[in-house]
PDB file of N, CA and C in Angstrom:
ATOM      1  N   MET A   1     -46.180  28.273   9.140  1.00  0.00           N
ATOM      2  CA  MET A   1     -44.951  27.944   9.290  1.00  0.00           C
ATOM      3  C   MET A   1     -44.090  28.609   9.647  1.00  0.00           C
ATOM      4  N   PRO A   2     -43.111  28.740  11.043  1.00  0.00           N
ATOM      5  CA  PRO A   2     -42.240  29.673  11.629  1.00  0.00           C
ATOM      6  C   PRO A   2     -41.639  30.264  10.748  1.00  0.00           C
ATOM      7  N   ARG A   3     -41.248  31.388  11.072  1.00  0.00           N
ATOM      8  CA  ARG A   3     -40.327  32.593  10.587  1.00  0.00           C
ATOM      9  C   ARG A   3     -39.254  32.685  11.460  1.00  0.00           C
ATOM     10  N   THR A   4     -37.990  32.647  11.118  1.00  0.00           N
ATOM     11  CA  THR A   4     -36.690  32.326  11.566  1.00  0.00           C
ATOM     12  C   THR A   4     -36.265  34.158  11.270  1.00  0.00           C
ATOM     13  N   ILE A   5     -35.384  34.527  12.667  1.00  0.00           N
ATOM     14  CA  ILE A   5     -34.645  35.907  12.778  1.00  0.00           C
ATOM     15  C   ILE A   5     -33.928  34.930  13.220  1.00  0.00           C
ATOM     16  N   THR A   6     -32.704  36.829  13.296  1.00  0.00           N
ATOM     17  CA  THR A   6     -31.371  36.052  13.568  1.00  0.00           C
ATOM     18  C   THR A   6     -31.278  36.815  15.624  1.00  0.00           C
ATOM     19  N   ALA A   7     -30.628  36.280  15.586  1.00  0.00           N
ATOM     20  CA  ALA A   7     -30.605  36.463  17.734  1.00  0.00           C
ATOM     21  C   ALA A   7     -30.256  38.238  17.778  1.00  0.00           C
ATOM     22  N   MET A   8     -29.945  38.921  17.156  1.00  0.00           N
ATOM     23  CA  MET A   8     -29.651  39.892  16.870  1.00  0.00           C
ATOM     24  C   MET A   8     -30.867  40.626  16.839  1.00  0.00           C
ATOM     25  N   GLU A   9     -31.639  40.231  15.638  1.00  0.00           N
ATOM     26  CA  GLU A   9     -33.244  41.363  15.441  1.00  0.00           C
ATOM     27  C   GLU A   9     -33.810  41.082  16.796  1.00  0.00           C
ATOM     28  N   ALA A  10     -33.779  39.432  17.434  1.00  0.00           N
ATOM     29  CA  ALA A  10     -34.296  39.018  18.494  1.00  0.00           C
ATOM     30  C   ALA A  10     -34.455  39.818  19.638  1.00  0.00           C
ATOM     31  N   ARG A  11     -32.874  40.825  19.714  1.00  0.00           N
ATOM     32  CA  ARG A  11     -32.339  41.169  20.814  1.00  0.00           C
ATOM     33  C   ARG A  11     -33.122  42.050  20.874  1.00  0.00           C
ATOM     34  N   LYS A  12     -33.342  42.910  19.497  1.00  0.00           N
ATOM     35  CA  LYS A  12     -33.340  44.669  19.419  1.00  0.00           C
ATOM     36  C   LYS A  12     -34.880  44.281  19.128  1.00  0.00           C
ATOM     37  N   LYS A  13     -36.032  43.408  19.442  1.00  0.00           N
ATOM     38  CA  LYS A  13     -36.994  43.503  18.876  1.00  0.00           C
ATOM     39  C   LYS A  13     -37.831  42.612  20.392  1.00  0.00           C
ATOM     40  N   PHE A  14     -37.929  42.384  20.616  1.00  0.00           N
ATOM     41  CA  PHE A  14     -37.870  40.973  22.263  1.00  0.00           C
ATOM     42  C   PHE A  14     -39.300  41.681  22.381  1.00  0.00           C
ATOM     43  N   GLY A  15     -40.092  42.362  22.302  1.00  0.00           N
ATOM     44  CA  GLY A  15     -41.054  43.071  23.066  1.00  0.00           C
ATOM     45  C   GLY A  15     -41.643  42.186  21.994  1.00  0.00           C
ATOM     46  N   GLU A  16     -41.902  43.448  20.915  1.00  0.00           N
ATOM     47  CA  GLU A  16     -42.583  42.936  19.109  1.00  0.00           C
ATOM     48  C   GLU A  16     -42.392  41.591  19.155  1.00  0.00           C
ATOM     49  N   ILE A  17     -41.579  40.951  19.082  1.00  0.00           N
ATOM     50  CA  ILE A  17     -41.405  39.195  18.993  1.00  0.00           C
ATOM     51  C   ILE A  17     -42.532  38.610  19.876  1.00  0.00           C
ATOM     52  N   LEU A  18     -42.480  39.117  21.343  1.00  0.00           N
ATOM     53  CA  LEU A  18     -43.043  38.274  22.556  1.00  0.00           C
ATOM     54  C   LEU A  18     -44.923  38.868  21.796  1.00  0.00           C
ATOM     55  N   ASN A  19     -45.147  40.353  21.394  1.00  0.00           N
ATOM     56  CA  ASN A  19     -46.715  40.019  21.121  1.00  0.00           C
ATOM     57  C   ASN A  19     -46.630  39.347  19.619  1.00  0.00           C
ATOM     58  N   GLN A  20     -45.637  39.063  18.966  1.00  0.00           N
ATOM     59  CA  GLN A  20     -46.478  38.113  17.205  1.00  0.00           C
ATOM     60  C   GLN A  20     -46.936  37.107  18.352  1.00  0.00           C
ATOM     61  N   VAL A  21     -45.930  36.536  19.279  1.00  0.00           N
ATOM     62  CA  VAL A  21     -46.276  34.791  19.459  1.00  0.00           C
ATOM     63  C   VAL A  21     -47.268  34.931  20.300  1.00  0.00           C
ATOM     64  N   SER A  22     -47.677  36.150  21.273  1.00  0.00           N
ATOM     65  CA  SER A  22     -49.137  35.813  21.921  1.00  0.00           C
ATOM     66  C   SER A  22     -50.285  36.050  21.548  1.00  0.00           C
ATOM     67  N   LEU A  23     -49.837  37.437  20.419  1.00  0.00           N
ATOM     68  CA  LEU A  23     -51.621  37.984  20.107  1.00  0.00           C
ATOM     69  C   LEU A  23     -51.695  36.903  18.451  1.00  0.00           C
ATOM     70  N   LEU A  24     -50.697  36.602  17.968  1.00  0.00           N
ATOM     71  CA  LEU A  24     -50.875  36.294  16.667  1.00  0.00           C
ATOM     72  C   LEU A  24     -50.711  34.824  16.648  1.00  0.00           C
ATOM     73  N   ASN A  25     -50.327  33.997  17.538  1.00  0.00           N
ATOM     74  CA  ASN A  25     -50.634  32.942  17.728  1.00  0.00           C
ATOM     75  C   ASN A  25     -49.176  32.417  16.776  1.00  0.00           C
ATOM     76  N   GLU A  26     -48.279  33.152  16.758  1.00  0.00           N
ATOM     77  CA  GLU A  26     -47.093  32.911  15.815  1.00  0.00           C
ATOM     78  C   GLU A  26     -45.679  31.938  16.319  1.00  0.00           C
ATOM     79  N   GLU A  27     -45.758  31.486  15.380  1.00  0.00           N
ATOM     80  CA  GLU A  27     -43.940  30.805  16.093  1.00  0.00           C
ATOM     81  C   GLU A  27     -43.046  31.188  15.303  1.00  0.00           C
ATOM     82  N   ILE A  28     -41.505  31.870  16.084  1.00  0.00           N
ATOM     83  CA  ILE A  28     -40.582  32.703  15.659  1.00  0.00           C
ATOM     84  C   ILE A  28     -39.334  31.321  16.083  1.00  0.00           C
ATOM     85  N   ILE A  29     -38.469  31.138  14.991  1.00  0.00           N
ATOM     86  CA  ILE A  29     -37.123  30.045  15.343  1.00  0.00           C
ATOM     87  C   ILE A  29     -35.993  31.324  15.452  1.00  0.00           C
ATOM     88  N   ILE A  30     -35.067  31.055  16.325  1.00  0.00           N
ATOM     89  CA  ILE A  30     -33.745  31.975  16.518  1.00  0.00           C
ATOM     90  C   ILE A  30     -32.659  31.760  16.469  1.00  0.00           C
ATOM     91  N   GLU A  31     -31.689  32.215  14.985  1.00  0.00           N
ATOM     92  CA  GLU A  31     -30.700  31.655  15.162  1.00  0.00           C
ATOM     93  C   GLU A  31     -29.321  32.522  14.674  1.00  0.00           C
ATOM     94  N   ARG A  32     -28.612  31.708  15.462  1.00  0.00           N
ATOM     95  CA  ARG A  32     -26.761  32.530  15.473  1.00  0.00           C
ATOM     96  C   ARG A  32     -26.016  31.915  14.793  1.00  0.00           C
ATOM     97  N   ALA A  33     -25.711  32.804  14.220  1.00  0.00           N
ATOM     98  CA  ALA A  33     -24.476  32.256  13.243  1.00  0.00           C
ATOM     99  C   ALA A  33     -24.441  30.332  11.835  1.00  0.00           C
ATOM    100  N   GLY A  34     -26.104  31.256  11.735  1.00  0.00           N
ATOM    101  CA  GLY A  34     -26.623  30.402  10.482  1.00  0.00           C
ATOM    102  C   GLY A  34     -27.231  28.862  11.306  1.00  0.00           C
ATOM    103  N   LYS A  35     -27.387  28.850  12.721  1.00  0.00           N
ATOM    104  CA  LYS A  35     -27.529  27.766  13.733  1.00  0.00           C
ATOM    105  C   LYS A  35     -28.675  28.159  14.317  1.00  0.00           C
ATOM    106  N   LYS A  36     -30.019  27.219  13.778  1.00  0.00           N
ATOM    107  CA  LYS A  36     -31.167  27.027  14.854  1.00  0.00           C
ATOM    108  C   LYS A  36     -30.669  26.883  15.912  1.00  0.00           C
ATOM    109  N   ILE A  37     -31.612  27.574  16.886  1.00  0.00           N
ATOM    110  CA  ILE A  37     -30.314  27.640  18.822  1.00  0.00           C
ATOM    111  C   ILE A  37     -31.948  27.699  19.357  1.00  0.00           C
ATOM    112  N   ALA A  38     -33.119  28.308  19.262  1.00  0.00           N
ATOM    113  CA  ALA A  38     -34.113  28.268  19.681  1.00  0.00           C
ATOM    114  C   ALA A  38     -35.382  28.604  19.110  1.00  0.00           C
ATOM    115  N   ARG A  39     -36.290  28.122  20.164  1.00  0.00           N
ATOM    116  CA  ARG A  39     -37.622  28.647  19.761  1.00  0.00           C
ATOM    117  C   ARG A  39     -38.938  28.949  20.001  1.00  0.00           C
ATOM    118  N   ILE A  40     -39.427  30.229  19.940  1.00  0.00           N
ATOM    119  CA  ILE A  40     -40.631  30.713  21.046  1.00  0.00           C
ATOM    120  C   ILE A  40     -42.005  30.505  20.367  1.00  0.00           C
ATOM    121  N   VAL A  41     -42.510  29.665  20.956  1.00  0.00           N
ATOM    122  CA  VAL A  41     -43.743  29.187  20.433  1.00  0.00           C
ATOM    123  C   VAL A  41     -45.086  29.729  22.051  1.00  0.00           C
ATOM    124  N   PRO A  42     -46.192  29.992  21.393  1.00  0.00           N
ATOM    125  CA  PRO A  42     -47.446  30.574  22.391  1.00  0.00           C
ATOM    126  C   PRO A  42     -47.419  30.003  22.882  1.00  0.00           C
ATOM    127  N   LEU A  43     -47.455  29.508  24.572  1.00  0.00           N
ATOM    128  CA  LEU A  43     -47.791  28.182  25.969  1.00  0.00           C
ATOM    129  C   LEU A  43     -48.831  27.439  25.510  1.00  0.00           C
ATOM    130  N   GLU A  44     -49.582  28.075  25.417  1.00  0.00           N
ATOM    131  CA  GLU A  44     -50.631  27.247  24.885  1.00  0.00           C
ATOM    132  C   GLU A  44     -50.231  26.138  23.696  1.00  0.00           C
ATOM    133  N   LYS A  45     -49.836  26.501  22.577  1.00  0.00           N
ATOM    134  CA  LYS A  45     -49.657  25.665  21.926  1.00  0.00           C
ATOM    135  C   LYS A  45     -48.739  24.928  22.441  1.00  0.00           C
ATOM    136  N   GLN A  46     -47.382  25.045  22.878  1.00  0.00           N
ATOM    137  CA  GLN A  46     -46.698  23.853  23.698  1.00  0.00           C
ATOM    138  C   GLN A  46     -47.490  22.927  24.598  1.00  0.00           C
ATOM    139  N   ALA A  47     -48.266  23.440  25.275  1.00  0.00           N
ATOM    140  CA  ALA A  47     -49.352  22.564  26.263  1.00  0.00           C
ATOM    141  C   ALA A  47     -49.679  21.451  25.499  1.00  0.00           C
ATOM    142  N   ILE A  48     -50.234  21.848  23.899  1.00  0.00           N
ATOM    143  CA  ILE A  48     -50.978  20.760  23.642  1.00  0.00           C
ATOM    144  C   ILE A  48     -49.834  19.994  22.492  1.00  0.00           C
ATOM    145  N   VAL A  49     -48.522  20.022  22.387  1.00  0.00           N
ATOM    146  CA  VAL A  49     -47.624  18.952  22.140  1.00  0.00           C
ATOM    147  C   VAL A  49     -46.855  18.453  23.095  1.00  0.00           C
ATOM    148  N   GLN A  50     -47.061  19.059  24.036  1.00  0.00           N
ATOM    149  CA  GLN A  50     -46.794  18.224  25.535  1.00  0.00           C
ATOM    150  C   GLN A  50     -47.965  16.935  25.632  1.00  0.00           C
ATOM    151  N   LYS A  51     -48.806  17.338  25.863  1.00  0.00           N
ATOM    152  CA  LYS A  51     -50.190  16.563  26.028  1.00  0.00           C
ATOM    153  C   LYS A  51     -50.381  15.689  24.873  1.00  0.00           C
ATOM    154  N   ARG A  52     -50.095  15.560  23.689  1.00  0.00           N
ATOM    155  CA  ARG A  52     -49.784  14.757  22.567  1.00  0.00           C
ATOM    156  C   ARG A  52     -48.643  13.708  23.126  1.00  0.00           C
ATOM    157  N   ARG A  53     -47.498  14.377  23.596  1.00  0.00           N
ATOM    158  CA  ARG A  53     -46.709  13.059  23.711  1.00  0.00           C
ATOM    159  C   ARG A  53     -47.330  12.360  24.485  1.00  0.00           C
ATOM    160  N   GLY A  54     -47.645  12.671  25.617  1.00  0.00           N
ATOM    161  CA  GLY A  54     -47.746  11.559  26.868  1.00  0.00           C
ATOM    162  C   GLY A  54     -46.371  11.404  27.405  1.00  0.00           C
ATOM    163  N   LYS A  55     -46.765  10.949  28.531  1.00  0.00           N
ATOM    164  CA  LYS A  55     -45.604   9.825  29.031  1.00  0.00           C
ATOM    165  C   LYS A  55     -44.825   8.977  29.105  1.00  0.00           C
ATOM    166  N   LEU A  56     -44.235   8.667  29.177  1.00  0.00           N
ATOM    167  CA  LEU A  56     -42.913   7.383  28.525  1.00  0.00           C
ATOM    168  C   LEU A  56     -43.447   6.366  30.092  1.00  0.00           C
ATOM    169  N   ASP A  57     -43.216   5.359  29.745  1.00  0.00           N
ATOM    170  CA  ASP A  57     -43.360   4.725  30.653  1.00  0.00           C
ATOM    171  C   ASP A  57     -42.611   3.139  30.383  1.00  0.00           C
ATOM    172  N   PHE A  58     -41.454   3.530  31.146  1.00  0.00           N
ATOM    173  CA  PHE A  58     -40.160   2.447  30.730  1.00  0.00           C
ATOM    174  C   PHE A  58     -40.296   1.305  31.457  1.00  0.00           C
ATOM    175  N   ARG A  59     -41.744   0.444  32.279  1.00  0.00           N
ATOM    176  CA  ARG A  59     -41.909  -0.458  32.153  1.00  0.00           C
ATOM    177  C   ARG A  59     -42.499  -1.373  31.385  1.00  0.00           C
ATOM    178  N   GLN A  60     -42.988  -0.748  30.160  1.00  0.00           N
ATOM    179  CA  GLN A  60     -43.424  -1.192  29.190  1.00  0.00           C
ATOM    180  C   GLN A  60     -42.081  -1.968  28.172  1.00  0.00           C
ATOM    181  N   ALA A  61     -41.203  -1.180  28.517  1.00  0.00           N
ATOM    182  CA  ALA A  61     -40.207  -1.591  27.622  1.00  0.00           C
ATOM    183  C   ALA A  61     -39.212  -2.614  28.258  1.00  0.00           C
ATOM    184  N   ALA A  62     -39.217  -2.956  29.276  1.00  0.00           N
ATOM    185  CA  ALA A  62     -38.578  -4.180  29.979  1.00  0.00           C
ATOM    186  C   ALA A  62     -38.240  -5.363  28.831  1.00  0.00           C
ATOM    187  N   GLY A  63     -37.814  -5.799  28.803  1.00  0.00           N
ATOM    188  CA  GLY A  63     -37.388  -7.289  27.553  1.00  0.00           C
ATOM    189  C   GLY A  63     -37.003  -6.928  26.617  1.00  0.00           C
ATOM    190  N   LEU A  64     -37.345  -5.918  25.683  1.00  0.00           N
ATOM    191  CA  LEU A  64     -37.388  -5.431  24.582  1.00  0.00           C
ATOM    192  C   LEU A  64     -35.749  -5.687  23.868  1.00  0.00           C
ATOM    193  N   GLY A  65     -35.618  -6.542  22.723  1.00  0.00           N
ATOM    194  CA  GLY A  65     -34.293  -6.298  22.157  1.00  0.00           C
ATOM    195  C   GLY A  65     -33.852  -7.398  22.591  1.00  0.00           C
ATOM    196  N   LYS A  66     -34.379  -8.558  23.565  1.00  0.00           N
ATOM    197  CA  LYS A  66     -33.673  -9.543  24.018  1.00  0.00           C
ATOM    198  C   LYS A  66     -33.503 -10.762  23.214  1.00  0.00           C
ATOM    199  N   ASP A  67     -34.254 -10.699  22.021  1.00  0.00           N
ATOM    200  CA  ASP A  67     -34.471 -11.786  20.707  1.00  0.00           C
ATOM    201  C   ASP A  67     -33.549 -11.062  20.254  1.00  0.00           C
ATOM    202  N   VAL A  68     -32.220 -10.111  19.918  1.00  0.00           N
ATOM    203  CA  VAL A  68     -31.569  -9.809  18.796  1.00  0.00           C
ATOM    204  C   VAL A  68     -30.605 -10.702  19.370  1.00  0.00           C
ATOM    205  N   TRP A  69     -30.406 -10.913  20.552  1.00  0.00           N
ATOM    206  CA  TRP A  69     -29.040 -11.870  20.613  1.00  0.00           C
ATOM    207  C   TRP A  69     -29.445 -13.278  20.727  1.00  0.00           C
ATOM    208  N   LYS A  70     -30.782 -13.587  20.601  1.00  0.00           N
ATOM    209  CA  LYS A  70     -30.470 -15.202  20.169  1.00  0.00           C
ATOM    210  C   LYS A  70     -29.742 -16.081  19.343  1.00  0.00           C
ATOM    211  N   GLY A  71     -29.442 -16.775  19.714  1.00  0.00           N
ATOM    212  CA  GLY A  71     -28.482 -17.825  18.618  1.00  0.00           C
ATOM    213  C   GLY A  71     -26.766 -17.265  18.456  1.00  0.00           C
ATOM    214  N   ILE A  72     -26.526 -16.345  18.985  1.00  0.00           N
ATOM    215  CA  ILE A  72     -25.235 -15.407  19.320  1.00  0.00           C
ATOM    216  C   ILE A  72     -24.508 -15.262  20.349  1.00  0.00           C
ATOM    217  N   ASN A  73     -23.548 -15.918  20.550  1.00  0.00           N
ATOM    218  CA  ASN A  73     -22.580 -16.144  21.736  1.00  0.00           C
ATOM    219  C   ASN A  73     -21.544 -14.761  21.904  1.00  0.00           C
ATOM    220  N   ALA A  74     -22.100 -14.329  22.889  1.00  0.00           N
ATOM    221  CA  ALA A  74     -21.517 -12.396  23.303  1.00  0.00           C
ATOM    222  C   ALA A  74     -19.950 -12.564  22.919  1.00  0.00           C
ATOM    223  N   ASP A  75     -19.938 -13.713  24.021  1.00  0.00           N
ATOM    224  CA  ASP A  75     -18.057 -13.715  23.864  1.00  0.00           C
ATOM    225  C   ASP A  75     -17.549 -13.747  23.050  1.00  0.00           C
ATOM    226  N   LYS A  76     -18.136 -14.754  21.850  1.00  0.00           N
ATOM    227  CA  LYS A  76     -17.402 -14.433  20.340  1.00  0.00           C
ATOM    228  C   LYS A  76     -17.520 -13.452  19.924  1.00  0.00           C
ATOM    229  N   TYR A  77     -18.460 -12.935  20.173  1.00  0.00           N
ATOM    230  CA  TYR A  77     -19.187 -11.621  19.098  1.00  0.00           C
ATOM    231  C   TYR A  77     -17.803 -10.683  19.304  1.00  0.00           C
ATOM    232  N   VAL A  78     -17.758 -10.444  20.683  1.00  0.00           N
ATOM    233  CA  VAL A  78     -17.189  -9.099  21.324  1.00  0.00           C
ATOM    234  C   VAL A  78     -15.665  -9.261  20.873  1.00  0.00           C
ATOM    235  N   GLU A  79     -15.241 -10.344  21.093  1.00  0.00           N
ATOM    236  CA  GLU A  79     -13.737 -10.453  20.568  1.00  0.00           C
ATOM    237  C   GLU A  79     -13.883 -10.065  19.301  1.00  0.00           C
ATOM    238  N   ALA A  80     -14.685 -10.704  18.649  1.00  0.00           N
ATOM    239  CA  ALA A  80     -14.291 -10.444  17.035  1.00  0.00           C
ATOM    240  C   ALA A  80     -14.430  -8.921  16.863  1.00  0.00           C
ATOM    241  N   GLU A  81     -15.508  -8.205  17.441  1.00  0.00           N
ATOM    242  CA  GLU A  81     -15.302  -6.418  17.076  1.00  0.00           C
ATOM    243  C   GLU A  81     -14.249  -6.023  17.905  1.00  0.00           C
ATOM    244  N   ARG A  82     -13.541  -6.290  19.062  1.00  0.00           N
ATOM    245  CA  ARG A  82     -11.943  -6.156  19.484  1.00  0.00           C
ATOM    246  C   ARG A  82     -10.955  -6.441  18.332  1.00  0.00           C
ATOM    247  N   LYS A  83     -10.723  -7.590  17.921  1.00  0.00           N
ATOM    248  CA  LYS A  83     -10.128  -7.887  16.994  1.00  0.00           C
ATOM    249  C   LYS A  83     -10.447  -6.653  15.879  1.00  0.00           C
ATOM    250  N   SER A  84     -11.256  -6.424  15.192  1.00  0.00           N
ATOM    251  CA  SER A  84     -11.166  -5.217  13.942  1.00  0.00           C
ATOM    252  C   SER A  84     -10.997  -3.846  14.174  1.00  0.00           C
ATOM    253  N   TRP A  85     -10.527  -3.785  16.220  1.00  0.00           N
ATOM    254  CA  TRP A  85     -10.669  -2.587  15.953  1.00  0.00           C
ATOM    255  C   TRP A  85      -8.376  -2.216  15.667  1.00  0.00           C
ATOM    256  N   ASP A  86      -8.234  -3.537  15.559  1.00  0.00           N
ATOM    257  CA  ASP A  86      -6.582  -3.627  15.384  1.00  0.00           C
ATOM    258  C   ASP A  86      -5.997  -3.035  14.193  1.00  0.00           C
TER     259      ASP A  86
END
């Protein structure tokens, strides 16, 4: 489970944090003002995650969703939506 630290702590102990990540294989999340803004992970772990994700091939997505508009008059739909804005 990743450990969360503040941005100030990360700034003060950056070398120590790098050692924990690289030598102990830890994952550290940095937050500022209560919001998570960054994650430090071992390089090997990140490579594994990227490999698992694979590459996106948008060619396979061609035509997806075309059945959504079957039987719907797009002009009437848009007109009705615009009327609802008033």
